[in-house]
PDB file of all heavy atoms in Angstrom:
ATOM      1  N   ARG A   1     -63.811 -35.058  92.818  1.00  0.00           N
ATOM      2  CA  ARG A   1     -63.088 -33.827  93.127  1.00  0.00           C
ATOM      3  C   ARG A   1     -63.697 -32.637  92.382  1.00  0.00           C
ATOM      4  O   ARG A   1     -63.651 -31.508  92.877  1.00  0.00           O
ATOM      5  CB  ARG A   1     -61.591 -33.958  92.764  1.00  0.00           C
ATOM      6  CG  ARG A   1     -60.832 -34.885  93.691  1.00  0.00           C
ATOM      7  CD  ARG A   1     -60.729 -34.371  95.064  1.00  0.00           C
ATOM      8  NE  ARG A   1     -59.882 -33.219  95.220  1.00  0.00           N
ATOM      9  CZ  ARG A   1     -59.654 -32.522  96.329  1.00  0.00           C
ATOM     10  NH1 ARG A   1     -60.355 -32.852  97.385  1.00  0.00           N
ATOM     11  NH2 ARG A   1     -58.846 -31.531  96.351  1.00  0.00           N
ATOM     12  N   GLU A   2     -64.268 -32.920  91.212  1.00  0.00           N
ATOM     13  CA  GLU A   2     -64.883 -31.847  90.453  1.00  0.00           C
ATOM     14  C   GLU A   2     -66.086 -31.249  91.164  1.00  0.00           C
ATOM     15  O   GLU A   2     -66.364 -30.059  91.024  1.00  0.00           O
ATOM     16  CB  GLU A   2     -65.300 -32.369  89.067  1.00  0.00           C
ATOM     17  CG  GLU A   2     -64.099 -32.741  88.191  1.00  0.00           C
ATOM     18  CD  GLU A   2     -64.510 -33.345  86.865  1.00  0.00           C
ATOM     19  OE1 GLU A   2     -65.760 -33.462  86.639  1.00  0.00           O
ATOM     20  OE2 GLU A   2     -63.664 -33.736  86.063  1.00  0.00           O
ATOM     21  N   ASN A   3     -66.850 -32.076  91.903  1.00  0.00           N
ATOM     22  CA  ASN A   3     -68.026 -31.501  92.579  1.00  0.00           C
ATOM     23  C   ASN A   3     -67.648 -30.838  93.911  1.00  0.00           C
ATOM     24  O   ASN A   3     -68.417 -30.026  94.411  1.00  0.00           O
ATOM     25  CB  ASN A   3     -69.126 -32.566  92.805  1.00  0.00           C
ATOM     26  CG  ASN A   3     -68.750 -33.654  93.847  1.00  0.00           C
ATOM     27  OD1 ASN A   3     -68.185 -33.334  94.876  1.00  0.00           O
ATOM     28  ND2 ASN A   3     -69.144 -34.866  93.608  1.00  0.00           N
ATOM     29  N   GLY A   4     -66.500 -31.146  94.423  1.00  0.00           N
ATOM     30  CA  GLY A   4     -65.957 -30.435  95.585  1.00  0.00           C
ATOM     31  C   GLY A   4     -66.628 -30.720  96.908  1.00  0.00           C
ATOM     32  O   GLY A   4     -66.303 -30.050  97.880  1.00  0.00           O
ATOM     33  N   ARG A   5     -67.569 -31.651  97.000  1.00  0.00           N
ATOM     34  CA  ARG A   5     -68.240 -31.864  98.246  1.00  0.00           C
ATOM     35  C   ARG A   5     -68.025 -33.260  98.833  1.00  0.00           C
ATOM     36  O   ARG A   5     -68.219 -33.453 100.016  1.00  0.00           O
ATOM     37  CB  ARG A   5     -69.743 -31.612  98.070  1.00  0.00           C
ATOM     38  CG  ARG A   5     -70.486 -32.535  97.079  1.00  0.00           C
ATOM     39  CD  ARG A   5     -71.943 -32.175  96.989  1.00  0.00           C
ATOM     40  NE  ARG A   5     -72.601 -32.871  95.900  1.00  0.00           N
ATOM     41  CZ  ARG A   5     -73.129 -34.094  95.957  1.00  0.00           C
ATOM     42  NH1 ARG A   5     -73.039 -34.729  97.109  1.00  0.00           N
ATOM     43  NH2 ARG A   5     -73.747 -34.613  94.932  1.00  0.00           N
ATOM     44  N   MET A   6     -67.621 -34.239  98.002  1.00  0.00           N
ATOM     45  CA  MET A   6     -67.394 -35.585  98.562  1.00  0.00           C
ATOM     46  C   MET A   6     -65.962 -35.761  98.995  1.00  0.00           C
ATOM     47  O   MET A   6     -65.048 -35.081  98.509  1.00  0.00           O
ATOM     48  CB  MET A   6     -67.748 -36.623  97.471  1.00  0.00           C
ATOM     49  CG  MET A   6     -69.185 -36.596  97.003  1.00  0.00           C
ATOM     50  SD  MET A   6     -69.517 -37.900  95.786  1.00  0.00           S
ATOM     51  CE  MET A   6     -71.164 -37.442  95.284  1.00  0.00           C
ATOM     52  N   THR A   7     -65.794 -36.698  99.936  1.00  0.00           N
ATOM     53  CA  THR A   7     -64.481 -36.993 100.487  1.00  0.00           C
ATOM     54  C   THR A   7     -64.270 -38.480 100.459  1.00  0.00           C
ATOM     55  O   THR A   7     -65.105 -39.244 100.984  1.00  0.00           O
ATOM     56  CB  THR A   7     -64.420 -36.462 101.930  1.00  0.00           C
ATOM     57  OG1 THR A   7     -64.639 -35.066 101.961  1.00  0.00           O
ATOM     58  CG2 THR A   7     -63.026 -36.718 102.541  1.00  0.00           C
ATOM     59  N   LEU A   8     -63.157 -38.936  99.890  1.00  0.00           N
ATOM     60  CA  LEU A   8     -62.872 -40.351  99.684  1.00  0.00           C
ATOM     61  C   LEU A   8     -61.680 -40.772 100.612  1.00  0.00           C
ATOM     62  O   LEU A   8     -60.628 -40.214 100.556  1.00  0.00           O
ATOM     63  CB  LEU A   8     -62.511 -40.644  98.263  1.00  0.00           C
ATOM     64  CG  LEU A   8     -62.442 -42.130  97.880  1.00  0.00           C
ATOM     65  CD1 LEU A   8     -63.833 -42.779  97.946  1.00  0.00           C
ATOM     66  CD2 LEU A   8     -61.823 -42.336  96.502  1.00  0.00           C
ATOM     67  N   ILE A   9     -61.945 -41.758 101.493  1.00  0.00           N
ATOM     68  CA  ILE A   9     -61.012 -42.213 102.458  1.00  0.00           C
ATOM     69  C   ILE A   9     -60.769 -43.721 102.266  1.00  0.00           C
ATOM     70  O   ILE A   9     -61.760 -44.475 102.234  1.00  0.00           O
ATOM     71  CB  ILE A   9     -61.554 -41.998 103.920  1.00  0.00           C
ATOM     72  CG1 ILE A   9     -62.044 -40.575 104.129  1.00  0.00           C
ATOM     73  CG2 ILE A   9     -60.542 -42.448 104.951  1.00  0.00           C
ATOM     74  CD1 ILE A   9     -60.973 -39.528 104.140  1.00  0.00           C
ATOM     75  N   GLN A  10     -59.506 -44.150 102.128  1.00  0.00           N
ATOM     76  CA  GLN A  10     -59.336 -45.598 102.038  1.00  0.00           C
ATOM     77  C   GLN A  10     -59.435 -46.232 103.442  1.00  0.00           C
ATOM     78  O   GLN A  10     -58.779 -45.821 104.382  1.00  0.00           O
ATOM     79  CB  GLN A  10     -57.965 -45.972 101.430  1.00  0.00           C
ATOM     80  CG  GLN A  10     -57.849 -47.508 101.220  1.00  0.00           C
ATOM     81  CD  GLN A  10     -56.679 -47.936 100.423  1.00  0.00           C
ATOM     82  OE1 GLN A  10     -55.722 -47.210 100.201  1.00  0.00           O
ATOM     83  NE2 GLN A  10     -56.695 -49.168  99.939  1.00  0.00           N
ATOM     84  N   ALA A  11     -60.307 -47.226 103.517  1.00  0.00           N
ATOM     85  CA  ALA A  11     -60.523 -47.957 104.770  1.00  0.00           C
ATOM     86  C   ALA A  11     -59.483 -49.042 104.964  1.00  0.00           C
ATOM     87  O   ALA A  11     -59.102 -49.728 104.001  1.00  0.00           O
ATOM     88  CB  ALA A  11     -61.937 -48.527 104.852  1.00  0.00           C
ATOM     89  N   HIS A  12     -59.005 -49.189 106.204  1.00  0.00           N
ATOM     90  CA  HIS A  12     -58.137 -50.322 106.597  1.00  0.00           C
ATOM     91  C   HIS A  12     -57.212 -50.814 105.453  1.00  0.00           C
ATOM     92  O   HIS A  12     -57.273 -51.953 105.069  1.00  0.00           O
ATOM     93  CB  HIS A  12     -58.924 -51.486 107.165  1.00  0.00           C
ATOM     94  CG  HIS A  12     -60.149 -51.884 106.331  1.00  0.00           C
ATOM     95  ND1 HIS A  12     -60.029 -52.556 105.117  1.00  0.00           N
ATOM     96  CD2 HIS A  12     -61.485 -51.760 106.563  1.00  0.00           C
ATOM     97  CE1 HIS A  12     -61.237 -52.802 104.657  1.00  0.00           C
ATOM     98  NE2 HIS A  12     -62.156 -52.314 105.511  1.00  0.00           N
ATOM     99  N   PRO A  13     -56.332 -49.945 104.931  1.00  0.00           N
ATOM    100  CA  PRO A  13     -55.602 -50.307 103.740  1.00  0.00           C
ATOM    101  C   PRO A  13     -54.527 -51.373 103.918  1.00  0.00           C
ATOM    102  O   PRO A  13     -54.024 -51.908 102.927  1.00  0.00           O
ATOM    103  CB  PRO A  13     -54.935 -48.978 103.332  1.00  0.00           C
ATOM    104  CG  PRO A  13     -54.852 -48.215 104.599  1.00  0.00           C
ATOM    105  CD  PRO A  13     -56.057 -48.573 105.360  1.00  0.00           C
ATOM    106  N   PHE A  14     -54.194 -51.723 105.168  1.00  0.00           N
ATOM    107  CA  PHE A  14     -53.148 -52.685 105.390  1.00  0.00           C
ATOM    108  C   PHE A  14     -53.637 -54.036 105.888  1.00  0.00           C
ATOM    109  O   PHE A  14     -52.832 -54.849 106.390  1.00  0.00           O
ATOM    110  CB  PHE A  14     -52.080 -52.099 106.373  1.00  0.00           C
ATOM    111  CG  PHE A  14     -51.181 -51.112 105.725  1.00  0.00           C
ATOM    112  CD1 PHE A  14     -51.532 -49.741 105.717  1.00  0.00           C
ATOM    113  CD2 PHE A  14     -50.040 -51.465 105.029  1.00  0.00           C
ATOM    114  CE1 PHE A  14     -50.768 -48.772 105.085  1.00  0.00           C
ATOM    115  CE2 PHE A  14     -49.218 -50.542 104.393  1.00  0.00           C
ATOM    116  CZ  PHE A  14     -49.587 -49.220 104.431  1.00  0.00           C
ATOM    117  N   ARG A  15     -54.908 -54.341 105.671  1.00  0.00           N
ATOM    118  CA  ARG A  15     -55.334 -55.723 105.917  1.00  0.00           C
ATOM    119  C   ARG A  15     -54.704 -56.602 104.881  1.00  0.00           C
ATOM    120  O   ARG A  15     -54.370 -56.165 103.775  1.00  0.00           O
ATOM    121  CB  ARG A  15     -56.824 -55.805 105.856  1.00  0.00           C
ATOM    122  CG  ARG A  15     -57.543 -55.207 107.110  1.00  0.00           C
ATOM    123  CD  ARG A  15     -59.048 -55.480 107.081  1.00  0.00           C
ATOM    124  NE  ARG A  15     -59.702 -54.801 108.213  1.00  0.00           N
ATOM    125  CZ  ARG A  15     -60.974 -54.660 108.320  1.00  0.00           C
ATOM    126  NH1 ARG A  15     -61.785 -55.239 107.432  1.00  0.00           N
ATOM    127  NH2 ARG A  15     -61.504 -54.010 109.347  1.00  0.00           N
ATOM    128  N   PRO A  16     -54.550 -57.905 105.146  1.00  0.00           N
ATOM    129  CA  PRO A  16     -53.824 -58.778 104.260  1.00  0.00           C
ATOM    130  C   PRO A  16     -54.445 -58.737 102.837  1.00  0.00           C
ATOM    131  O   PRO A  16     -55.633 -58.730 102.648  1.00  0.00           O
ATOM    132  CB  PRO A  16     -54.026 -60.159 104.883  1.00  0.00           C
ATOM    133  CG  PRO A  16     -54.170 -59.863 106.347  1.00  0.00           C
ATOM    134  CD  PRO A  16     -54.934 -58.580 106.417  1.00  0.00           C
ATOM    135  N   GLU A  17     -53.535 -58.743 101.866  1.00  0.00           N
ATOM    136  CA  GLU A  17     -53.846 -58.890 100.422  1.00  0.00           C
ATOM    137  C   GLU A  17     -54.545 -57.664  99.870  1.00  0.00           C
ATOM    138  O   GLU A  17     -54.996 -57.720  98.696  1.00  0.00           O
ATOM    139  CB  GLU A  17     -54.689 -60.143 100.153  1.00  0.00           C
ATOM    140  CG  GLU A  17     -53.935 -61.420 100.583  1.00  0.00           C
ATOM    141  CD  GLU A  17     -54.733 -62.698 100.299  1.00  0.00           C
ATOM    142  OE1 GLU A  17     -55.825 -62.596  99.693  1.00  0.00           O
ATOM    143  OE2 GLU A  17     -54.299 -63.734 100.716  1.00  0.00           O
ATOM    144  N   LEU A  18     -54.598 -56.554 100.605  1.00  0.00           N
ATOM    145  CA  LEU A  18     -55.183 -55.329 100.019  1.00  0.00           C
ATOM    146  C   LEU A  18     -54.067 -54.457  99.496  1.00  0.00           C
ATOM    147  O   LEU A  18     -52.941 -54.436 100.033  1.00  0.00           O
ATOM    148  CB  LEU A  18     -56.014 -54.570 101.100  1.00  0.00           C
ATOM    149  CG  LEU A  18     -57.252 -55.280 101.654  1.00  0.00           C
ATOM    150  CD1 LEU A  18     -58.008 -54.348 102.581  1.00  0.00           C
ATOM    151  CD2 LEU A  18     -58.125 -55.806 100.516  1.00  0.00           C
ATOM    152  N   ARG A  19     -54.403 -53.660  98.497  1.00  0.00           N
ATOM    153  CA  ARG A  19     -53.443 -52.741  97.911  1.00  0.00           C
ATOM    154  C   ARG A  19     -53.659 -51.337  98.467  1.00  0.00           C
ATOM    155  O   ARG A  19     -54.780 -50.921  98.731  1.00  0.00           O
ATOM    156  CB  ARG A  19     -53.626 -52.683  96.388  1.00  0.00           C
ATOM    157  CG  ARG A  19     -53.379 -54.046  95.691  1.00  0.00           C
ATOM    158  CD  ARG A  19     -53.793 -53.989  94.262  1.00  0.00           C
ATOM    159  NE  ARG A  19     -55.239 -53.838  94.117  1.00  0.00           N
ATOM    160  CZ  ARG A  19     -55.919 -53.819  92.983  1.00  0.00           C
ATOM    161  NH1 ARG A  19     -55.242 -53.910  91.827  1.00  0.00           N
ATOM    162  NH2 ARG A  19     -57.217 -53.667  92.946  1.00  0.00           N
ATOM    163  N   GLN A  20     -52.581 -50.608  98.623  1.00  0.00           N
ATOM    164  CA  GLN A  20     -52.658 -49.253  99.086  1.00  0.00           C
ATOM    165  C   GLN A  20     -52.844 -48.309  97.908  1.00  0.00           C
ATOM    166  O   GLN A  20     -52.053 -48.311  96.976  1.00  0.00           O
ATOM    167  CB  GLN A  20     -51.434 -48.841  99.876  1.00  0.00           C
ATOM    168  CG  GLN A  20     -51.265 -49.578 101.209  1.00  0.00           C
ATOM    169  CD  GLN A  20     -50.732 -50.981 101.071  1.00  0.00           C
ATOM    170  OE1 GLN A  20     -49.672 -51.186 100.500  1.00  0.00           O
ATOM    171  NE2 GLN A  20     -51.477 -51.945 101.604  1.00  0.00           N
ATOM    172  N   ALA A  21     -53.929 -47.531  97.924  1.00  0.00           N
ATOM    173  CA  ALA A  21     -54.181 -46.619  96.844  1.00  0.00           C
ATOM    174  C   ALA A  21     -53.155 -45.531  96.786  1.00  0.00           C
ATOM    175  O   ALA A  21     -52.609 -45.169  97.861  1.00  0.00           O
ATOM    176  CB  ALA A  21     -55.578 -46.037  96.972  1.00  0.00           C
ATOM    177  N   PRO A  22     -52.842 -44.984  95.595  1.00  0.00           N
ATOM    178  CA  PRO A  22     -51.920 -43.818  95.533  1.00  0.00           C
ATOM    179  C   PRO A  22     -52.499 -42.661  96.380  1.00  0.00           C
ATOM    180  O   PRO A  22     -53.688 -42.432  96.362  1.00  0.00           O
ATOM    181  CB  PRO A  22     -51.938 -43.495  94.023  1.00  0.00           C
ATOM    182  CG  PRO A  22     -52.327 -44.737  93.340  1.00  0.00           C
ATOM    183  CD  PRO A  22     -53.260 -45.426  94.259  1.00  0.00           C
ATOM    184  N   LEU A  23     -51.614 -42.011  97.095  1.00  0.00           N
ATOM    185  CA  LEU A  23     -52.070 -40.952  97.984  1.00  0.00           C
ATOM    186  C   LEU A  23     -52.737 -39.811  97.236  1.00  0.00           C
ATOM    187  O   LEU A  23     -53.579 -39.151  97.803  1.00  0.00           O
ATOM    188  CB  LEU A  23     -50.908 -40.440  98.818  1.00  0.00           C
ATOM    189  CG  LEU A  23     -50.262 -41.469  99.799  1.00  0.00           C
ATOM    190  CD1 LEU A  23     -49.034 -40.867 100.459  1.00  0.00           C
ATOM    191  CD2 LEU A  23     -51.263 -41.953 100.792  1.00  0.00           C
ATOM    192  N   ASP A  24     -52.323 -39.595  95.977  1.00  0.00           N
ATOM    193  CA  ASP A  24     -52.927 -38.499  95.249  1.00  0.00           C
ATOM    194  C   ASP A  24     -54.304 -38.866  94.643  1.00  0.00           C
ATOM    195  O   ASP A  24     -54.912 -38.093  93.907  1.00  0.00           O
ATOM    196  CB  ASP A  24     -51.999 -37.980  94.160  1.00  0.00           C
ATOM    197  CG  ASP A  24     -51.658 -39.031  93.067  1.00  0.00           C
ATOM    198  OD1 ASP A  24     -52.107 -40.192  93.200  1.00  0.00           O
ATOM    199  OD2 ASP A  24     -50.925 -38.694  92.167  1.00  0.00           O
ATOM    200  N   GLU A  25     -54.810 -40.062  94.995  1.00  0.00           N
ATOM    201  CA  GLU A  25     -56.130 -40.478  94.580  1.00  0.00           C
ATOM    202  C   GLU A  25     -57.069 -40.639  95.798  1.00  0.00           C
ATOM    203  O   GLU A  25     -58.086 -41.308  95.751  1.00  0.00           O
ATOM    204  CB  GLU A  25     -56.071 -41.806  93.774  1.00  0.00           C
ATOM    205  CG  GLU A  25     -55.348 -41.656  92.477  1.00  0.00           C
ATOM    206  CD  GLU A  25     -55.267 -42.943  91.682  1.00  0.00           C
ATOM    207  OE1 GLU A  25     -55.786 -43.998  92.164  1.00  0.00           O
ATOM    208  OE2 GLU A  25     -54.702 -42.927  90.593  1.00  0.00           O
ATOM    209  N   LEU A  26     -56.675 -40.005  96.886  1.00  0.00           N
ATOM    210  CA  LEU A  26     -57.385 -40.108  98.147  1.00  0.00           C
ATOM    211  C   LEU A  26     -57.448 -38.743  98.840  1.00  0.00           C
ATOM    212  O   LEU A  26     -56.543 -37.915  98.647  1.00  0.00           O
ATOM    213  CB  LEU A  26     -56.722 -41.050  99.076  1.00  0.00           C
ATOM    214  CG  LEU A  26     -56.631 -42.538  98.727  1.00  0.00           C
ATOM    215  CD1 LEU A  26     -55.690 -43.254  99.716  1.00  0.00           C
ATOM    216  CD2 LEU A  26     -58.009 -43.199  98.732  1.00  0.00           C
ATOM    217  N   ASP A  27     -58.466 -38.526  99.643  1.00  0.00           N
ATOM    218  CA  ASP A  27     -58.466 -37.369 100.580  1.00  0.00           C
ATOM    219  C   ASP A  27     -57.905 -37.750 101.917  1.00  0.00           C
ATOM    220  O   ASP A  27     -57.496 -36.888 102.696  1.00  0.00           O
ATOM    221  CB  ASP A  27     -59.915 -36.847 100.743  1.00  0.00           C
ATOM    222  CG  ASP A  27     -60.454 -36.200  99.487  1.00  0.00           C
ATOM    223  OD1 ASP A  27     -59.845 -35.243  99.019  1.00  0.00           O
ATOM    224  OD2 ASP A  27     -61.474 -36.724  98.981  1.00  0.00           O
ATOM    225  N   GLY A  28     -57.861 -39.055 102.219  1.00  0.00           N
ATOM    226  CA  GLY A  28     -57.353 -39.482 103.496  1.00  0.00           C
ATOM    227  C   GLY A  28     -57.381 -40.988 103.668  1.00  0.00           C
ATOM    228  O   GLY A  28     -57.718 -41.733 102.756  1.00  0.00           O
ATOM    229  N   ILE A  29     -56.964 -41.397 104.847  1.00  0.00           N
ATOM    230  CA  ILE A  29     -56.899 -42.824 105.181  1.00  0.00           C
ATOM    231  C   ILE A  29     -57.519 -43.052 106.536  1.00  0.00           C
ATOM    232  O   ILE A  29     -57.420 -42.216 107.455  1.00  0.00           O
ATOM    233  CB  ILE A  29     -55.409 -43.331 105.205  1.00  0.00           C
ATOM    234  CG1 ILE A  29     -54.878 -43.438 103.758  1.00  0.00           C
ATOM    235  CG2 ILE A  29     -55.286 -44.654 105.948  1.00  0.00           C
ATOM    236  CD1 ILE A  29     -53.406 -43.775 103.719  1.00  0.00           C
ATOM    237  N   GLU A  30     -58.240 -44.151 106.700  1.00  0.00           N
ATOM    238  CA  GLU A  30     -58.727 -44.577 108.002  1.00  0.00           C
ATOM    239  C   GLU A  30     -57.532 -45.107 108.758  1.00  0.00           C
ATOM    240  O   GLU A  30     -57.094 -46.265 108.549  1.00  0.00           O
ATOM    241  CB  GLU A  30     -59.775 -45.643 107.843  1.00  0.00           C
ATOM    242  CG  GLU A  30     -60.441 -46.094 109.158  1.00  0.00           C
ATOM    243  CD  GLU A  30     -61.449 -47.205 108.947  1.00  0.00           C
ATOM    244  OE1 GLU A  30     -61.092 -48.224 108.313  1.00  0.00           O
ATOM    245  OE2 GLU A  30     -62.582 -47.072 109.422  1.00  0.00           O
ATOM    246  N   VAL A  31     -56.948 -44.322 109.671  1.00  0.00           N
ATOM    247  CA  VAL A  31     -55.727 -44.688 110.352  1.00  0.00           C
ATOM    248  C   VAL A  31     -55.985 -45.524 111.572  1.00  0.00           C
ATOM    249  O   VAL A  31     -55.084 -46.167 112.101  1.00  0.00           O
ATOM    250  CB  VAL A  31     -54.889 -43.425 110.755  1.00  0.00           C
ATOM    251  CG1 VAL A  31     -54.501 -42.670 109.513  1.00  0.00           C
ATOM    252  CG2 VAL A  31     -55.630 -42.561 111.736  1.00  0.00           C
ATOM    253  N   TYR A  32     -57.229 -45.559 112.036  1.00  0.00           N
ATOM    254  CA  TYR A  32     -57.608 -46.443 113.129  1.00  0.00           C
ATOM    255  C   TYR A  32     -58.920 -47.120 112.791  1.00  0.00           C
ATOM    256  O   TYR A  32     -59.949 -46.477 112.592  1.00  0.00           O
ATOM    257  CB  TYR A  32     -57.791 -45.688 114.432  1.00  0.00           C
ATOM    258  CG  TYR A  32     -58.162 -46.660 115.577  1.00  0.00           C
ATOM    259  CD1 TYR A  32     -57.151 -47.402 116.212  1.00  0.00           C
ATOM    260  CD2 TYR A  32     -59.462 -46.866 115.917  1.00  0.00           C
ATOM    261  CE1 TYR A  32     -57.492 -48.320 117.158  1.00  0.00           C
ATOM    262  CE2 TYR A  32     -59.798 -47.813 116.897  1.00  0.00           C
ATOM    263  CZ  TYR A  32     -58.812 -48.550 117.508  1.00  0.00           C
ATOM    264  OH  TYR A  32     -59.143 -49.460 118.455  1.00  0.00           O
ATOM    265  N   ASN A  33     -58.874 -48.446 112.671  1.00  0.00           N
ATOM    266  CA  ASN A  33     -60.050 -49.279 112.427  1.00  0.00           C
ATOM    267  C   ASN A  33     -60.198 -50.184 113.610  1.00  0.00           C
ATOM    268  O   ASN A  33     -59.311 -50.956 113.950  1.00  0.00           O
ATOM    269  CB  ASN A  33     -59.881 -50.084 111.131  1.00  0.00           C
ATOM    270  CG  ASN A  33     -61.079 -50.997 110.839  1.00  0.00           C
ATOM    271  OD1 ASN A  33     -61.233 -52.049 111.459  1.00  0.00           O
ATOM    272  ND2 ASN A  33     -61.881 -50.574 109.870  1.00  0.00           N
ATOM    273  N   GLY A  34     -61.374 -50.086 114.302  1.00  0.00           N
ATOM    274  CA  GLY A  34     -61.511 -50.768 115.584  1.00  0.00           C
ATOM    275  C   GLY A  34     -62.064 -52.164 115.502  1.00  0.00           C
ATOM    276  O   GLY A  34     -62.308 -52.807 116.546  1.00  0.00           O
ATOM    277  N   HIS A  35     -62.269 -52.722 114.311  1.00  0.00           N
ATOM    278  CA  HIS A  35     -62.826 -54.065 114.179  1.00  0.00           C
ATOM    279  C   HIS A  35     -61.931 -55.071 114.893  1.00  0.00           C
ATOM    280  O   HIS A  35     -60.770 -55.252 114.532  1.00  0.00           O
ATOM    281  CB  HIS A  35     -62.901 -54.440 112.686  1.00  0.00           C
ATOM    282  CG  HIS A  35     -63.804 -55.591 112.383  1.00  0.00           C
ATOM    283  ND1 HIS A  35     -63.627 -56.845 112.971  1.00  0.00           N
ATOM    284  CD2 HIS A  35     -64.844 -55.720 111.520  1.00  0.00           C
ATOM    285  CE1 HIS A  35     -64.538 -57.650 112.515  1.00  0.00           C
ATOM    286  NE2 HIS A  35     -65.302 -56.982 111.635  1.00  0.00           N
ATOM    287  N   PRO A  36     -62.462 -55.731 115.939  1.00  0.00           N
ATOM    288  CA  PRO A  36     -61.561 -56.627 116.747  1.00  0.00           C
ATOM    289  C   PRO A  36     -61.221 -57.929 116.130  1.00  0.00           C
ATOM    290  O   PRO A  36     -60.310 -58.613 116.607  1.00  0.00           O
ATOM    291  CB  PRO A  36     -62.417 -56.816 118.036  1.00  0.00           C
ATOM    292  CG  PRO A  36     -63.829 -56.712 117.563  1.00  0.00           C
ATOM    293  CD  PRO A  36     -63.822 -55.651 116.487  1.00  0.00           C
ATOM    294  N   GLU A  37     -61.904 -58.326 115.046  1.00  0.00           N
ATOM    295  CA  GLU A  37     -61.600 -59.619 114.407  1.00  0.00           C
ATOM    296  C   GLU A  37     -60.671 -59.481 113.210  1.00  0.00           C
ATOM    297  O   GLU A  37     -60.379 -60.484 112.545  1.00  0.00           O
ATOM    298  CB  GLU A  37     -62.884 -60.311 113.991  1.00  0.00           C
ATOM    299  CG  GLU A  37     -63.590 -61.018 115.145  1.00  0.00           C
ATOM    300  CD  GLU A  37     -64.846 -60.266 115.566  1.00  0.00           C
ATOM    301  OE1 GLU A  37     -65.693 -59.983 114.736  1.00  0.00           O
ATOM    302  OE2 GLU A  37     -64.999 -59.999 116.767  1.00  0.00           O
ATOM    303  N   HIS A  38     -60.221 -58.314 112.928  1.00  0.00           N
ATOM    304  CA  HIS A  38     -59.259 -58.075 111.839  1.00  0.00           C
ATOM    305  C   HIS A  38     -58.031 -57.386 112.381  1.00  0.00           C
ATOM    306  O   HIS A  38     -58.141 -56.478 113.264  1.00  0.00           O
ATOM    307  CB  HIS A  38     -59.870 -57.181 110.723  1.00  0.00           C
ATOM    308  CG  HIS A  38     -60.913 -57.864 109.926  1.00  0.00           C
ATOM    309  ND1 HIS A  38     -60.635 -58.802 108.945  1.00  0.00           N
ATOM    310  CD2 HIS A  38     -62.257 -57.781 109.950  1.00  0.00           C
ATOM    311  CE1 HIS A  38     -61.765 -59.230 108.414  1.00  0.00           C
ATOM    312  NE2 HIS A  38     -62.770 -58.631 108.968  1.00  0.00           N
ATOM    313  N   ASP A  39     -56.871 -57.787 111.860  1.00  0.00           N
ATOM    314  CA  ASP A  39     -55.649 -57.020 112.153  1.00  0.00           C
ATOM    315  C   ASP A  39     -55.495 -56.002 111.042  1.00  0.00           C
ATOM    316  O   ASP A  39     -55.030 -56.318 109.961  1.00  0.00           O
ATOM    317  CB  ASP A  39     -54.448 -57.927 112.263  1.00  0.00           C
ATOM    318  CG  ASP A  39     -53.190 -57.168 112.716  1.00  0.00           C
ATOM    319  OD1 ASP A  39     -53.276 -55.939 112.791  1.00  0.00           O
ATOM    320  OD2 ASP A  39     -52.170 -57.836 112.948  1.00  0.00           O
ATOM    321  N   SER A  40     -55.905 -54.758 111.305  1.00  0.00           N
ATOM    322  CA  SER A  40     -55.866 -53.737 110.277  1.00  0.00           C
ATOM    323  C   SER A  40     -54.495 -53.021 110.207  1.00  0.00           C
ATOM    324  O   SER A  40     -54.366 -52.142 109.388  1.00  0.00           O
ATOM    325  CB  SER A  40     -56.979 -52.713 110.554  1.00  0.00           C
ATOM    326  OG  SER A  40     -58.269 -53.304 110.414  1.00  0.00           O
ATOM    327  N   HIS A  41     -53.595 -53.389 111.070  1.00  0.00           N
ATOM    328  CA  HIS A  41     -52.260 -52.784 111.083  1.00  0.00           C
ATOM    329  C   HIS A  41     -52.365 -51.254 111.076  1.00  0.00           C
ATOM    330  O   HIS A  41     -51.878 -50.530 110.230  1.00  0.00           O
ATOM    331  CB  HIS A  41     -51.444 -53.274 109.869  1.00  0.00           C
ATOM    332  CG  HIS A  41     -51.158 -54.719 109.879  1.00  0.00           C
ATOM    333  ND1 HIS A  41     -50.233 -55.346 110.731  1.00  0.00           N
ATOM    334  CD2 HIS A  41     -51.740 -55.750 109.192  1.00  0.00           C
ATOM    335  CE1 HIS A  41     -50.222 -56.639 110.537  1.00  0.00           C
ATOM    336  NE2 HIS A  41     -51.099 -56.894 109.603  1.00  0.00           N
ATOM    337  N   ASN A  42     -53.053 -50.781 112.124  1.00  0.00           N
ATOM    338  CA  ASN A  42     -53.345 -49.328 112.175  1.00  0.00           C
ATOM    339  C   ASN A  42     -52.060 -48.515 112.240  1.00  0.00           C
ATOM    340  O   ASN A  42     -52.032 -47.345 111.762  1.00  0.00           O
ATOM    341  CB  ASN A  42     -54.234 -49.027 113.384  1.00  0.00           C
ATOM    342  CG  ASN A  42     -55.622 -49.599 113.237  1.00  0.00           C
ATOM    343  OD1 ASN A  42     -56.218 -49.501 112.162  1.00  0.00           O
ATOM    344  ND2 ASN A  42     -56.140 -50.176 114.266  1.00  0.00           N
ATOM    345  N   ASP A  43     -51.003 -49.086 112.792  1.00  0.00           N
ATOM    346  CA  ASP A  43     -49.735 -48.354 112.843  1.00  0.00           C
ATOM    347  C   ASP A  43     -49.237 -48.077 111.426  1.00  0.00           C
ATOM    348  O   ASP A  43     -48.695 -46.989 111.162  1.00  0.00           O
ATOM    349  CB  ASP A  43     -48.718 -49.081 113.659  1.00  0.00           C
ATOM    350  CG  ASP A  43     -48.479 -50.534 113.208  1.00  0.00           C
ATOM    351  OD1 ASP A  43     -49.387 -51.115 112.527  1.00  0.00           O
ATOM    352  OD2 ASP A  43     -47.404 -51.089 113.518  1.00  0.00           O
ATOM    353  N   LEU A  44     -49.351 -49.024 110.537  1.00  0.00           N
ATOM    354  CA  LEU A  44     -48.873 -48.862 109.172  1.00  0.00           C
ATOM    355  C   LEU A  44     -49.816 -47.873 108.432  1.00  0.00           C
ATOM    356  O   LEU A  44     -49.312 -47.060 107.623  1.00  0.00           O
ATOM    357  CB  LEU A  44     -48.900 -50.205 108.448  1.00  0.00           C
ATOM    358  CG  LEU A  44     -47.939 -51.242 108.992  1.00  0.00           C
ATOM    359  CD1 LEU A  44     -48.052 -52.534 108.168  1.00  0.00           C
ATOM    360  CD2 LEU A  44     -46.499 -50.753 109.030  1.00  0.00           C
TER     361      LEU A  44
END
């Protein structure tokens, strides 16, 4: 954040056994992950 040019997005945060990062430690979330062999729970 200090350099002001990079953007950090949590990928597929609702796949099984993954933790959701605090929202204030992210610029965004991958809300749609198209990988057909994973249930990424895009709605969540």
